[in-house]
PDB file of N, CA and C in Angstrom:
ATOM      1  N   MET A   1      69.821  84.812 134.734  1.00  0.00           N
ATOM      2  CA  MET A   1      70.957  84.261 134.828  1.00  0.00           C
ATOM      3  C   MET A   1      71.075  82.917 134.158  1.00  0.00           C
ATOM      4  N   LEU A   2      69.947  82.279 134.031  1.00  0.00           N
ATOM      5  CA  LEU A   2      70.015  81.036 133.152  1.00  0.00           C
ATOM      6  C   LEU A   2      70.112  81.344 131.697  1.00  0.00           C
ATOM      7  N   LEU A   3      69.464  82.523 131.317  1.00  0.00           N
ATOM      8  CA  LEU A   3      69.483  82.926 130.008  1.00  0.00           C
ATOM      9  C   LEU A   3      70.968  83.303 129.565  1.00  0.00           C
ATOM     10  N   SER A   4      71.715  84.047 130.394  1.00  0.00           N
ATOM     11  CA  SER A   4      72.979  84.330 130.118  1.00  0.00           C
ATOM     12  C   SER A   4      73.942  83.129 130.030  1.00  0.00           C
ATOM     13  N   LEU A   5      73.682  82.063 130.800  1.00  0.00           N
ATOM     14  CA  LEU A   5      74.374  80.811 130.713  1.00  0.00           C
ATOM     15  C   LEU A   5      74.081  80.144 129.320  1.00  0.00           C
ATOM     16  N   PHE A   6      72.860  80.233 128.941  1.00  0.00           N
ATOM     17  CA  PHE A   6      72.471  79.656 127.629  1.00  0.00           C
ATOM     18  C   PHE A   6      73.183  80.368 126.503  1.00  0.00           C
ATOM     19  N   ILE A   7      72.997  81.773 126.532  1.00  0.00           N
ATOM     20  CA  ILE A   7      73.606  82.551 125.542  1.00  0.00           C
ATOM     21  C   ILE A   7      75.184  82.213 125.386  1.00  0.00           C
ATOM     22  N   ASN A   8      75.931  82.320 126.606  1.00  0.00           N
ATOM     23  CA  ASN A   8      77.331  82.121 126.563  1.00  0.00           C
ATOM     24  C   ASN A   8      77.739  80.734 126.103  1.00  0.00           C
ATOM     25  N   GLY A   9      76.840  79.740 126.533  1.00  0.00           N
ATOM     26  CA  GLY A   9      77.121  78.400 126.068  1.00  0.00           C
ATOM     27  C   GLY A   9      77.034  78.132 124.519  1.00  0.00           C
ATOM     28  N   THR A  10      75.982  78.806 124.021  1.00  0.00           N
ATOM     29  CA  THR A  10      75.740  78.827 122.546  1.00  0.00           C
ATOM     30  C   THR A  10      76.943  79.556 121.831  1.00  0.00           C
ATOM     31  N   LEU A  11      77.362  80.720 122.356  1.00  0.00           N
ATOM     32  CA  LEU A  11      78.488  81.418 121.662  1.00  0.00           C
ATOM     33  C   LEU A  11      79.775  80.597 121.787  1.00  0.00           C
ATOM     34  N   ALA A  12      79.967  79.894 122.876  1.00  0.00           N
ATOM     35  CA  ALA A  12      81.218  79.083 123.041  1.00  0.00           C
ATOM     36  C   ALA A  12      81.213  78.067 122.177  1.00  0.00           C
ATOM     37  N   LEU A  13      79.943  77.401 122.013  1.00  0.00           N
ATOM     38  CA  LEU A  13      79.893  76.178 120.958  1.00  0.00           C
ATOM     39  C   LEU A  13      80.171  76.690 119.598  1.00  0.00           C
ATOM     40  N   GLY A  14      79.630  77.841 119.242  1.00  0.00           N
ATOM     41  CA  GLY A  14      79.918  78.431 117.989  1.00  0.00           C
ATOM     42  C   GLY A  14      81.331  78.731 117.725  1.00  0.00           C
ATOM     43  N   MET A  15      82.055  79.223 118.778  1.00  0.00           N
ATOM     44  CA  MET A  15      83.526  79.570 118.653  1.00  0.00           C
ATOM     45  C   MET A  15      84.172  78.153 118.435  1.00  0.00           C
ATOM     46  N   LEU A  16      83.984  77.234 119.250  1.00  0.00           N
ATOM     47  CA  LEU A  16      84.559  75.964 119.026  1.00  0.00           C
ATOM     48  C   LEU A  16      84.415  75.252 117.803  1.00  0.00           C
ATOM     49  N   LEU A  17      83.176  75.336 117.298  1.00  0.00           N
ATOM     50  CA  LEU A  17      82.927  74.845 115.893  1.00  0.00           C
ATOM     51  C   LEU A  17      83.765  75.534 114.842  1.00  0.00           C
ATOM     52  N   ALA A  18      83.872  76.843 114.902  1.00  0.00           N
ATOM     53  CA  ALA A  18      84.585  77.663 114.042  1.00  0.00           C
ATOM     54  C   ALA A  18      86.026  77.370 114.044  1.00  0.00           C
ATOM     55  N   VAL A  19      86.614  77.235 115.187  1.00  0.00           N
ATOM     56  CA  VAL A  19      88.162  76.841 115.341  1.00  0.00           C
ATOM     57  C   VAL A  19      88.351  75.519 114.850  1.00  0.00           C
ATOM     58  N   LEU A  20      87.511  74.486 115.202  1.00  0.00           N
ATOM     59  CA  LEU A  20      87.678  73.076 114.794  1.00  0.00           C
ATOM     60  C   LEU A  20      87.623  72.922 113.353  1.00  0.00           C
ATOM     61  N   PHE A  21      86.664  73.577 112.561  1.00  0.00           N
ATOM     62  CA  PHE A  21      86.577  73.637 111.171  1.00  0.00           C
ATOM     63  C   PHE A  21      87.569  74.259 110.448  1.00  0.00           C
ATOM     64  N   SER A  22      88.201  75.226 111.006  1.00  0.00           N
ATOM     65  CA  SER A  22      89.211  76.049 110.221  1.00  0.00           C
ATOM     66  C   SER A  22      90.626  75.631 110.535  1.00  0.00           C
ATOM     67  N   ALA A  23      90.730  74.853 111.605  1.00  0.00           N
ATOM     68  CA  ALA A  23      92.164  74.344 111.974  1.00  0.00           C
ATOM     69  C   ALA A  23      92.402  72.822 111.281  1.00  0.00           C
ATOM     70  N   HIS A  24      93.418  72.787 110.561  1.00  0.00           N
ATOM     71  CA  HIS A  24      93.682  71.628 109.748  1.00  0.00           C
ATOM     72  C   HIS A  24      94.699  70.755 110.473  1.00  0.00           C
ATOM     73  N   ASP A  25      94.524  69.454 110.574  1.00  0.00           N
ATOM     74  CA  ASP A  25      95.479  68.572 111.131  1.00  0.00           C
ATOM     75  C   ASP A  25      95.790  68.874 112.633  1.00  0.00           C
ATOM     76  N   ILE A  26      94.756  68.842 113.411  1.00  0.00           N
ATOM     77  CA  ILE A  26      94.842  69.064 114.879  1.00  0.00           C
ATOM     78  C   ILE A  26      95.665  67.974 115.634  1.00  0.00           C
ATOM     79  N   PRO A  27      95.499  66.759 115.157  1.00  0.00           N
ATOM     80  CA  PRO A  27      96.392  65.757 115.975  1.00  0.00           C
ATOM     81  C   PRO A  27      97.847  66.099 115.780  1.00  0.00           C
ATOM     82  N   HIS A  28      98.328  66.509 114.499  1.00  0.00           N
ATOM     83  CA  HIS A  28      99.697  66.907 114.445  1.00  0.00           C
ATOM     84  C   HIS A  28     100.117  68.135 115.174  1.00  0.00           C
ATOM     85  N   LEU A  29      99.061  69.096 115.341  1.00  0.00           N
ATOM     86  CA  LEU A  29      99.408  70.196 116.287  1.00  0.00           C
ATOM     87  C   LEU A  29      99.442  69.981 117.690  1.00  0.00           C
ATOM     88  N   LEU A  30      98.604  68.931 118.031  1.00  0.00           N
ATOM     89  CA  LEU A  30      98.670  68.591 119.500  1.00  0.00           C
ATOM     90  C   LEU A  30      99.905  67.694 119.745  1.00  0.00           C
ATOM     91  N   ALA A  31     100.400  66.869 118.844  1.00  0.00           N
ATOM     92  CA  ALA A  31     101.347  66.034 119.014  1.00  0.00           C
ATOM     93  C   ALA A  31     102.824  66.532 119.108  1.00  0.00           C
ATOM     94  N   ASP A  32     102.962  67.883 118.514  1.00  0.00           N
ATOM     95  CA  ASP A  32     104.157  68.434 118.430  1.00  0.00           C
ATOM     96  C   ASP A  32     104.803  68.850 119.843  1.00  0.00           C
ATOM     97  N   ALA A  33     105.688  68.045 120.358  1.00  0.00           N
ATOM     98  CA  ALA A  33     106.038  68.320 121.815  1.00  0.00           C
ATOM     99  C   ALA A  33     107.301  69.215 121.710  1.00  0.00           C
ATOM    100  N   ASP A  34     107.950  69.513 120.583  1.00  0.00           N
ATOM    101  CA  ASP A  34     109.087  70.413 120.550  1.00  0.00           C
ATOM    102  C   ASP A  34     108.605  71.868 120.517  1.00  0.00           C
ATOM    103  N   ALA A  35     107.477  72.042 120.165  1.00  0.00           N
ATOM    104  CA  ALA A  35     107.023  73.607 119.928  1.00  0.00           C
ATOM    105  C   ALA A  35     107.007  74.269 121.236  1.00  0.00           C
ATOM    106  N   PRO A  36     107.381  75.599 121.146  1.00  0.00           N
ATOM    107  CA  PRO A  36     107.688  76.406 122.411  1.00  0.00           C
ATOM    108  C   PRO A  36     106.321  76.886 122.957  1.00  0.00           C
ATOM    109  N   THR A  37     105.234  76.740 122.198  1.00  0.00           N
ATOM    110  CA  THR A  37     103.886  77.309 122.788  1.00  0.00           C
ATOM    111  C   THR A  37     103.080  76.289 123.129  1.00  0.00           C
ATOM    112  N   ALA A  38     101.866  76.695 123.838  1.00  0.00           N
ATOM    113  CA  ALA A  38     100.850  75.733 124.202  1.00  0.00           C
ATOM    114  C   ALA A  38     100.092  75.200 122.859  1.00  0.00           C
ATOM    115  N   PRO A  39      99.500  74.066 122.972  1.00  0.00           N
ATOM    116  CA  PRO A  39      98.696  73.665 121.765  1.00  0.00           C
ATOM    117  C   PRO A  39      97.544  74.437 121.339  1.00  0.00           C
ATOM    118  N   PHE A  40      96.920  75.095 122.186  1.00  0.00           N
ATOM    119  CA  PHE A  40      95.735  75.923 121.807  1.00  0.00           C
ATOM    120  C   PHE A  40      96.246  77.133 121.159  1.00  0.00           C
ATOM    121  N   LEU A  41      97.427  77.672 121.456  1.00  0.00           N
ATOM    122  CA  LEU A  41      98.047  78.890 120.653  1.00  0.00           C
ATOM    123  C   LEU A  41      98.372  78.405 119.211  1.00  0.00           C
ATOM    124  N   ARG A  42      99.001  77.207 119.119  1.00  0.00           N
ATOM    125  CA  ARG A  42      99.194  76.742 117.765  1.00  0.00           C
ATOM    126  C   ARG A  42      97.989  76.553 116.957  1.00  0.00           C
ATOM    127  N   ILE A  43      97.088  75.915 117.597  1.00  0.00           N
ATOM    128  CA  ILE A  43      95.732  75.772 116.881  1.00  0.00           C
ATOM    129  C   ILE A  43      95.189  77.122 116.374  1.00  0.00           C
ATOM    130  N   PHE A  44      95.095  78.145 117.261  1.00  0.00           N
ATOM    131  CA  PHE A  44      94.591  79.440 116.921  1.00  0.00           C
ATOM    132  C   PHE A  44      95.474  80.062 115.735  1.00  0.00           C
ATOM    133  N   SER A  45      96.768  80.024 115.914  1.00  0.00           N
ATOM    134  CA  SER A  45      97.757  80.497 115.000  1.00  0.00           C
ATOM    135  C   SER A  45      97.378  79.690 113.571  1.00  0.00           C
ATOM    136  N   HIS A  46      97.243  78.510 113.602  1.00  0.00           N
ATOM    137  CA  HIS A  46      96.996  77.898 112.284  1.00  0.00           C
ATOM    138  C   HIS A  46      95.754  78.119 111.780  1.00  0.00           C
ATOM    139  N   ALA A  47      94.609  78.244 112.620  1.00  0.00           N
ATOM    140  CA  ALA A  47      93.314  78.352 112.068  1.00  0.00           C
ATOM    141  C   ALA A  47      93.124  79.822 111.621  1.00  0.00           C
ATOM    142  N   VAL A  48      93.766  80.748 112.257  1.00  0.00           N
ATOM    143  CA  VAL A  48      93.668  82.252 111.861  1.00  0.00           C
ATOM    144  C   VAL A  48      94.599  82.548 110.608  1.00  0.00           C
ATOM    145  N   GLY A  49      95.784  81.894 110.668  1.00  0.00           N
ATOM    146  CA  GLY A  49      96.812  82.214 109.629  1.00  0.00           C
ATOM    147  C   GLY A  49      97.674  83.257 109.959  1.00  0.00           C
ATOM    148  N   SER A  50      97.610  83.986 111.161  1.00  0.00           N
ATOM    149  CA  SER A  50      98.554  84.897 111.478  1.00  0.00           C
ATOM    150  C   SER A  50      98.803  84.913 112.927  1.00  0.00           C
ATOM    151  N   GLU A  51     100.034  85.318 113.393  1.00  0.00           N
ATOM    152  CA  GLU A  51     100.431  85.497 114.759  1.00  0.00           C
ATOM    153  C   GLU A  51      99.635  86.455 115.513  1.00  0.00           C
ATOM    154  N   PHE A  52      99.366  87.584 114.796  1.00  0.00           N
ATOM    155  CA  PHE A  52      98.710  88.688 115.358  1.00  0.00           C
ATOM    156  C   PHE A  52      97.325  88.456 115.742  1.00  0.00           C
ATOM    157  N   GLY A  53      96.545  87.757 114.694  1.00  0.00           N
ATOM    158  CA  GLY A  53      95.210  87.277 115.031  1.00  0.00           C
ATOM    159  C   GLY A  53      95.026  86.211 116.087  1.00  0.00           C
ATOM    160  N   ALA A  54      96.057  85.349 116.254  1.00  0.00           N
ATOM    161  CA  ALA A  54      96.003  84.447 117.306  1.00  0.00           C
ATOM    162  C   ALA A  54      96.269  85.049 118.753  1.00  0.00           C
ATOM    163  N   THR A  55      97.080  86.141 118.662  1.00  0.00           N
ATOM    164  CA  THR A  55      97.439  86.804 119.895  1.00  0.00           C
ATOM    165  C   THR A  55      96.191  87.649 120.364  1.00  0.00           C
ATOM    166  N   ILE A  56      95.451  88.133 119.448  1.00  0.00           N
ATOM    167  CA  ILE A  56      94.220  88.878 119.746  1.00  0.00           C
ATOM    168  C   ILE A  56      93.204  87.981 120.366  1.00  0.00           C
ATOM    169  N   MET A  57      93.083  86.848 119.690  1.00  0.00           N
ATOM    170  CA  MET A  57      92.058  85.780 120.230  1.00  0.00           C
ATOM    171  C   MET A  57      92.465  85.335 121.628  1.00  0.00           C
ATOM    172  N   VAL A  58      93.759  85.047 121.851  1.00  0.00           N
ATOM    173  CA  VAL A  58      94.166  84.636 123.176  1.00  0.00           C
ATOM    174  C   VAL A  58      94.020  85.760 124.202  1.00  0.00           C
ATOM    175  N   SER A  59      94.361  87.050 123.851  1.00  0.00           N
ATOM    176  CA  SER A  59      94.152  88.160 124.660  1.00  0.00           C
ATOM    177  C   SER A  59      92.686  88.282 125.202  1.00  0.00           C
ATOM    178  N   ILE A  60      91.809  88.150 124.288  1.00  0.00           N
ATOM    179  CA  ILE A  60      90.202  88.112 124.587  1.00  0.00           C
ATOM    180  C   ILE A  60      89.959  87.007 125.509  1.00  0.00           C
ATOM    181  N   ILE A  61      90.462  85.845 125.366  1.00  0.00           N
ATOM    182  CA  ILE A  61      90.217  84.789 126.372  1.00  0.00           C
ATOM    183  C   ILE A  61      90.814  84.886 127.777  1.00  0.00           C
ATOM    184  N   VAL A  62      91.997  85.409 127.650  1.00  0.00           N
ATOM    185  CA  VAL A  62      92.658  85.888 128.953  1.00  0.00           C
ATOM    186  C   VAL A  62      91.971  86.955 129.771  1.00  0.00           C
ATOM    187  N   LEU A  63      91.487  87.891 129.016  1.00  0.00           N
ATOM    188  CA  LEU A  63      90.672  89.010 129.625  1.00  0.00           C
ATOM    189  C   LEU A  63      89.429  88.443 130.237  1.00  0.00           C
ATOM    190  N   LEU A  64      88.662  87.702 129.439  1.00  0.00           N
ATOM    191  CA  LEU A  64      87.394  87.076 129.942  1.00  0.00           C
ATOM    192  C   LEU A  64      87.709  86.177 131.171  1.00  0.00           C
ATOM    193  N   GLU A  65      88.750  85.390 131.197  1.00  0.00           N
ATOM    194  CA  GLU A  65      88.983  84.466 132.326  1.00  0.00           C
ATOM    195  C   GLU A  65      89.386  85.488 133.553  1.00  0.00           C
ATOM    196  N   PHE A  66      90.029  86.568 133.380  1.00  0.00           N
ATOM    197  CA  PHE A  66      90.309  87.473 134.475  1.00  0.00           C
ATOM    198  C   PHE A  66      89.059  87.958 135.086  1.00  0.00           C
ATOM    199  N   CYS A  67      88.160  88.456 134.125  1.00  0.00           N
ATOM    200  CA  CYS A  67      86.918  89.069 134.507  1.00  0.00           C
ATOM    201  C   CYS A  67      86.037  87.953 135.286  1.00  0.00           C
ATOM    202  N   SER A  68      86.137  86.791 134.832  1.00  0.00           N
ATOM    203  CA  SER A  68      85.313  85.716 135.432  1.00  0.00           C
ATOM    204  C   SER A  68      85.938  85.471 136.866  1.00  0.00           C
ATOM    205  N   ALA A  69      87.215  85.435 136.980  1.00  0.00           N
ATOM    206  CA  ALA A  69      87.853  85.202 138.244  1.00  0.00           C
ATOM    207  C   ALA A  69      87.547  86.354 139.266  1.00  0.00           C
ATOM    208  N   MET A  70      87.418  87.577 138.811  1.00  0.00           N
ATOM    209  CA  MET A  70      87.151  88.674 139.637  1.00  0.00           C
ATOM    210  C   MET A  70      85.688  88.552 140.118  1.00  0.00           C
ATOM    211  N   GLY A  71      84.712  88.060 139.291  1.00  0.00           N
ATOM    212  CA  GLY A  71      83.420  87.984 139.710  1.00  0.00           C
ATOM    213  C   GLY A  71      83.273  86.735 140.701  1.00  0.00           C
ATOM    214  N   CYS A  72      84.062  85.755 140.538  1.00  0.00           N
ATOM    215  CA  CYS A  72      83.922  84.679 141.568  1.00  0.00           C
ATOM    216  C   CYS A  72      84.571  85.132 142.777  1.00  0.00           C
ATOM    217  N   LEU A  73      85.583  85.850 142.807  1.00  0.00           N
ATOM    218  CA  LEU A  73      86.314  86.421 143.963  1.00  0.00           C
ATOM    219  C   LEU A  73      85.280  87.323 144.761  1.00  0.00           C
ATOM    220  N   ALA A  74      84.632  88.244 144.018  1.00  0.00           N
ATOM    221  CA  ALA A  74      83.567  89.113 144.672  1.00  0.00           C
ATOM    222  C   ALA A  74      82.407  88.379 145.290  1.00  0.00           C
ATOM    223  N   ALA A  75      81.972  87.292 144.489  1.00  0.00           N
ATOM    224  CA  ALA A  75      80.823  86.587 145.096  1.00  0.00           C
ATOM    225  C   ALA A  75      81.171  85.767 146.257  1.00  0.00           C
ATOM    226  N   ALA A  76      82.421  85.164 146.340  1.00  0.00           N
ATOM    227  CA  ALA A  76      82.900  84.499 147.507  1.00  0.00           C
ATOM    228  C   ALA A  76      83.120  85.272 148.674  1.00  0.00           C
ATOM    229  N   SER A  77      83.652  86.574 148.404  1.00  0.00           N
ATOM    230  CA  SER A  77      83.981  87.445 149.549  1.00  0.00           C
ATOM    231  C   SER A  77      82.601  87.962 150.087  1.00  0.00           C
ATOM    232  N   ARG A  78      81.578  88.198 149.296  1.00  0.00           N
ATOM    233  CA  ARG A  78      80.379  88.668 149.849  1.00  0.00           C
ATOM    234  C   ARG A  78      79.706  87.560 150.661  1.00  0.00           C
ATOM    235  N   MET A  79      79.749  86.419 150.185  1.00  0.00           N
ATOM    236  CA  MET A  79      79.103  85.278 150.928  1.00  0.00           C
ATOM    237  C   MET A  79      79.866  85.127 152.332  1.00  0.00           C
ATOM    238  N   THR A  80      81.312  85.195 152.306  1.00  0.00           N
ATOM    239  CA  THR A  80      82.014  84.942 153.524  1.00  0.00           C
ATOM    240  C   THR A  80      81.645  86.190 154.451  1.00  0.00           C
ATOM    241  N   TRP A  81      81.566  87.465 153.910  1.00  0.00           N
ATOM    242  CA  TRP A  81      81.261  88.578 154.783  1.00  0.00           C
ATOM    243  C   TRP A  81      79.936  88.357 155.378  1.00  0.00           C
ATOM    244  N   SER A  82      78.907  87.957 154.589  1.00  0.00           N
ATOM    245  CA  SER A  82      77.553  87.782 155.081  1.00  0.00           C
ATOM    246  C   SER A  82      77.404  86.627 156.287  1.00  0.00           C
ATOM    247  N   PHE A  83      78.263  85.562 156.069  1.00  0.00           N
ATOM    248  CA  PHE A  83      78.326  84.525 157.143  1.00  0.00           C
ATOM    249  C   PHE A  83      78.963  85.110 158.402  1.00  0.00           C
ATOM    250  N   ALA A  84      80.066  85.870 158.210  1.00  0.00           N
ATOM    251  CA  ALA A  84      80.801  86.482 159.358  1.00  0.00           C
ATOM    252  C   ALA A  84      79.856  87.526 159.979  1.00  0.00           C
ATOM    253  N   ARG A  85      79.282  88.252 159.278  1.00  0.00           N
ATOM    254  CA  ARG A  85      78.332  89.379 159.912  1.00  0.00           C
ATOM    255  C   ARG A  85      77.187  88.625 160.744  1.00  0.00           C
ATOM    256  N   ASP A  86      76.756  87.503 160.214  1.00  0.00           N
ATOM    257  CA  ASP A  86      75.705  86.698 161.030  1.00  0.00           C
ATOM    258  C   ASP A  86      76.344  85.845 162.186  1.00  0.00           C
ATOM    259  N   ARG A  87      77.688  85.935 162.447  1.00  0.00           N
ATOM    260  CA  ARG A  87      78.456  85.246 163.408  1.00  0.00           C
ATOM    261  C   ARG A  87      78.418  83.644 163.096  1.00  0.00           C
ATOM    262  N   GLY A  88      78.474  83.315 161.756  1.00  0.00           N
ATOM    263  CA  GLY A  88      78.539  81.904 161.379  1.00  0.00           C
ATOM    264  C   GLY A  88      79.885  81.358 161.101  1.00  0.00           C
ATOM    265  N   LEU A  89      81.021  82.141 161.190  1.00  0.00           N
ATOM    266  CA  LEU A  89      82.313  81.611 160.936  1.00  0.00           C
ATOM    267  C   LEU A  89      83.194  81.839 162.066  1.00  0.00           C
ATOM    268  N   PRO A  90      84.261  81.048 162.253  1.00  0.00           N
ATOM    269  CA  PRO A  90      85.257  81.369 163.234  1.00  0.00           C
ATOM    270  C   PRO A  90      85.957  82.677 162.985  1.00  0.00           C
ATOM    271  N   PHE A  91      86.258  83.408 164.104  1.00  0.00           N
ATOM    272  CA  PHE A  91      86.926  84.764 163.876  1.00  0.00           C
ATOM    273  C   PHE A  91      85.987  85.651 163.185  1.00  0.00           C
ATOM    274  N   SER A  92      84.748  85.486 163.348  1.00  0.00           N
ATOM    275  CA  SER A  92      83.737  86.319 162.650  1.00  0.00           C
ATOM    276  C   SER A  92      83.840  87.791 163.067  1.00  0.00           C
ATOM    277  N   ARG A  93      84.169  88.178 164.202  1.00  0.00           N
ATOM    278  CA  ARG A  93      84.432  89.543 164.601  1.00  0.00           C
ATOM    279  C   ARG A  93      85.449  90.255 163.778  1.00  0.00           C
ATOM    280  N   ALA A  94      86.471  89.454 163.637  1.00  0.00           N
ATOM    281  CA  ALA A  94      87.580  90.165 162.900  1.00  0.00           C
ATOM    282  C   ALA A  94      87.307  90.331 161.337  1.00  0.00           C
ATOM    283  N   LEU A  95      86.527  89.206 160.815  1.00  0.00           N
ATOM    284  CA  LEU A  95      86.308  89.169 159.358  1.00  0.00           C
ATOM    285  C   LEU A  95      85.301  90.149 158.981  1.00  0.00           C
ATOM    286  N   SER A  96      84.205  90.465 159.824  1.00  0.00           N
ATOM    287  CA  SER A  96      83.190  91.353 159.627  1.00  0.00           C
ATOM    288  C   SER A  96      83.429  92.804 159.844  1.00  0.00           C
ATOM    289  N   MET A  97      84.591  93.161 160.313  1.00  0.00           N
ATOM    290  CA  MET A  97      84.903  94.559 160.501  1.00  0.00           C
ATOM    291  C   MET A  97      85.244  95.219 159.054  1.00  0.00           C
ATOM    292  N   VAL A  98      84.605  96.372 158.829  1.00  0.00           N
ATOM    293  CA  VAL A  98      84.783  96.985 157.664  1.00  0.00           C
ATOM    294  C   VAL A  98      85.611  98.296 157.713  1.00  0.00           C
ATOM    295  N   ARG A  99      86.699  98.397 157.007  1.00  0.00           N
ATOM    296  CA  ARG A  99      87.471  99.635 157.117  1.00  0.00           C
ATOM    297  C   ARG A  99      86.883 100.734 156.327  1.00  0.00           C
ATOM    298  N   LEU A 100      86.723 101.886 156.957  1.00  0.00           N
ATOM    299  CA  LEU A 100      86.088 103.006 156.345  1.00  0.00           C
ATOM    300  C   LEU A 100      86.813 103.598 155.181  1.00  0.00           C
ATOM    301  N   SER A 101      88.213 103.463 155.318  1.00  0.00           N
ATOM    302  CA  SER A 101      88.893 103.980 154.122  1.00  0.00           C
ATOM    303  C   SER A 101      88.835 103.204 152.898  1.00  0.00           C
ATOM    304  N   LEU A 102      88.500 101.868 153.035  1.00  0.00           N
ATOM    305  CA  LEU A 102      88.480 101.012 151.888  1.00  0.00           C
ATOM    306  C   LEU A 102      87.064 100.657 151.539  1.00  0.00           C
ATOM    307  N   SER A 103      86.122 100.677 152.414  1.00  0.00           N
ATOM    308  CA  SER A 103      84.790 100.286 152.404  1.00  0.00           C
ATOM    309  C   SER A 103      84.538  98.904 152.039  1.00  0.00           C
ATOM    310  N   VAL A 104      85.620  98.047 152.521  1.00  0.00           N
ATOM    311  CA  VAL A 104      85.510  96.616 152.444  1.00  0.00           C
ATOM    312  C   VAL A 104      86.190  96.093 153.670  1.00  0.00           C
ATOM    313  N   SER A 105      86.023  94.883 153.952  1.00  0.00           N
ATOM    314  CA  SER A 105      86.715  94.182 155.103  1.00  0.00           C
ATOM    315  C   SER A 105      87.979  93.641 154.605  1.00  0.00           C
ATOM    316  N   PHE A 106      88.964  94.275 155.037  1.00  0.00           N
ATOM    317  CA  PHE A 106      90.384  93.877 154.493  1.00  0.00           C
ATOM    318  C   PHE A 106      90.765  92.495 154.839  1.00  0.00           C
ATOM    319  N   TYR A 107      90.317  92.003 156.039  1.00  0.00           N
ATOM    320  CA  TYR A 107      90.667  90.581 156.510  1.00  0.00           C
ATOM    321  C   TYR A 107      90.045  89.536 155.798  1.00  0.00           C
ATOM    322  N   PHE A 108      88.732  89.672 155.458  1.00  0.00           N
ATOM    323  CA  PHE A 108      88.154  88.591 154.715  1.00  0.00           C
ATOM    324  C   PHE A 108      88.448  88.641 153.220  1.00  0.00           C
ATOM    325  N   LEU A 109      88.738  89.883 152.696  1.00  0.00           N
ATOM    326  CA  LEU A 109      89.300  89.880 151.345  1.00  0.00           C
ATOM    327  C   LEU A 109      90.622  89.179 151.216  1.00  0.00           C
ATOM    328  N   LEU A 110      91.503  89.509 152.172  1.00  0.00           N
ATOM    329  CA  LEU A 110      92.862  88.834 152.293  1.00  0.00           C
ATOM    330  C   LEU A 110      92.595  87.277 152.482  1.00  0.00           C
ATOM    331  N   ASN A 111      91.665  86.881 153.149  1.00  0.00           N
ATOM    332  CA  ASN A 111      91.390  85.506 153.394  1.00  0.00           C
ATOM    333  C   ASN A 111      90.874  84.852 152.086  1.00  0.00           C
ATOM    334  N   GLN A 112      90.010  85.538 151.266  1.00  0.00           N
ATOM    335  CA  GLN A 112      89.611  84.949 150.086  1.00  0.00           C
ATOM    336  C   GLN A 112      90.743  84.873 149.024  1.00  0.00           C
ATOM    337  N   ILE A 113      91.700  85.871 148.998  1.00  0.00           N
ATOM    338  CA  ILE A 113      92.743  85.816 148.096  1.00  0.00           C
ATOM    339  C   ILE A 113      93.735  84.623 148.463  1.00  0.00           C
ATOM    340  N   ILE A 114      94.019  84.369 149.709  1.00  0.00           N
ATOM    341  CA  ILE A 114      94.809  83.412 150.147  1.00  0.00           C
ATOM    342  C   ILE A 114      94.355  81.932 149.975  1.00  0.00           C
ATOM    343  N   CYS A 115      93.010  81.797 150.361  1.00  0.00           N
ATOM    344  CA  CYS A 115      92.369  80.518 150.231  1.00  0.00           C
ATOM    345  C   CYS A 115      91.942  80.292 148.850  1.00  0.00           C
TER     346      CYS A 115
END
């Protein structure tokens, strides 16, 4: 787990350096308040030189953020279920019931999504 953290941190630093060295006049891109897009989109577009390339880069980042959020949701729901199974939470009887059709506890998954 620590090795994956080190590898991902190194790759993120490499991507950051590549974007910073290829984007020109970053303060001007950040200060443009009239632009319709977010500053990081303008930096990507200016660094890559095409809208399509910037769209692909942003799509990759959005997909990775989605996968990361799903991993966090899964980890939090597993911890909540294990606490509820051991009767360590309020309403643990309702939270620890598993529906056979879904193979998950619907109530704690709903709890994790809402909270």
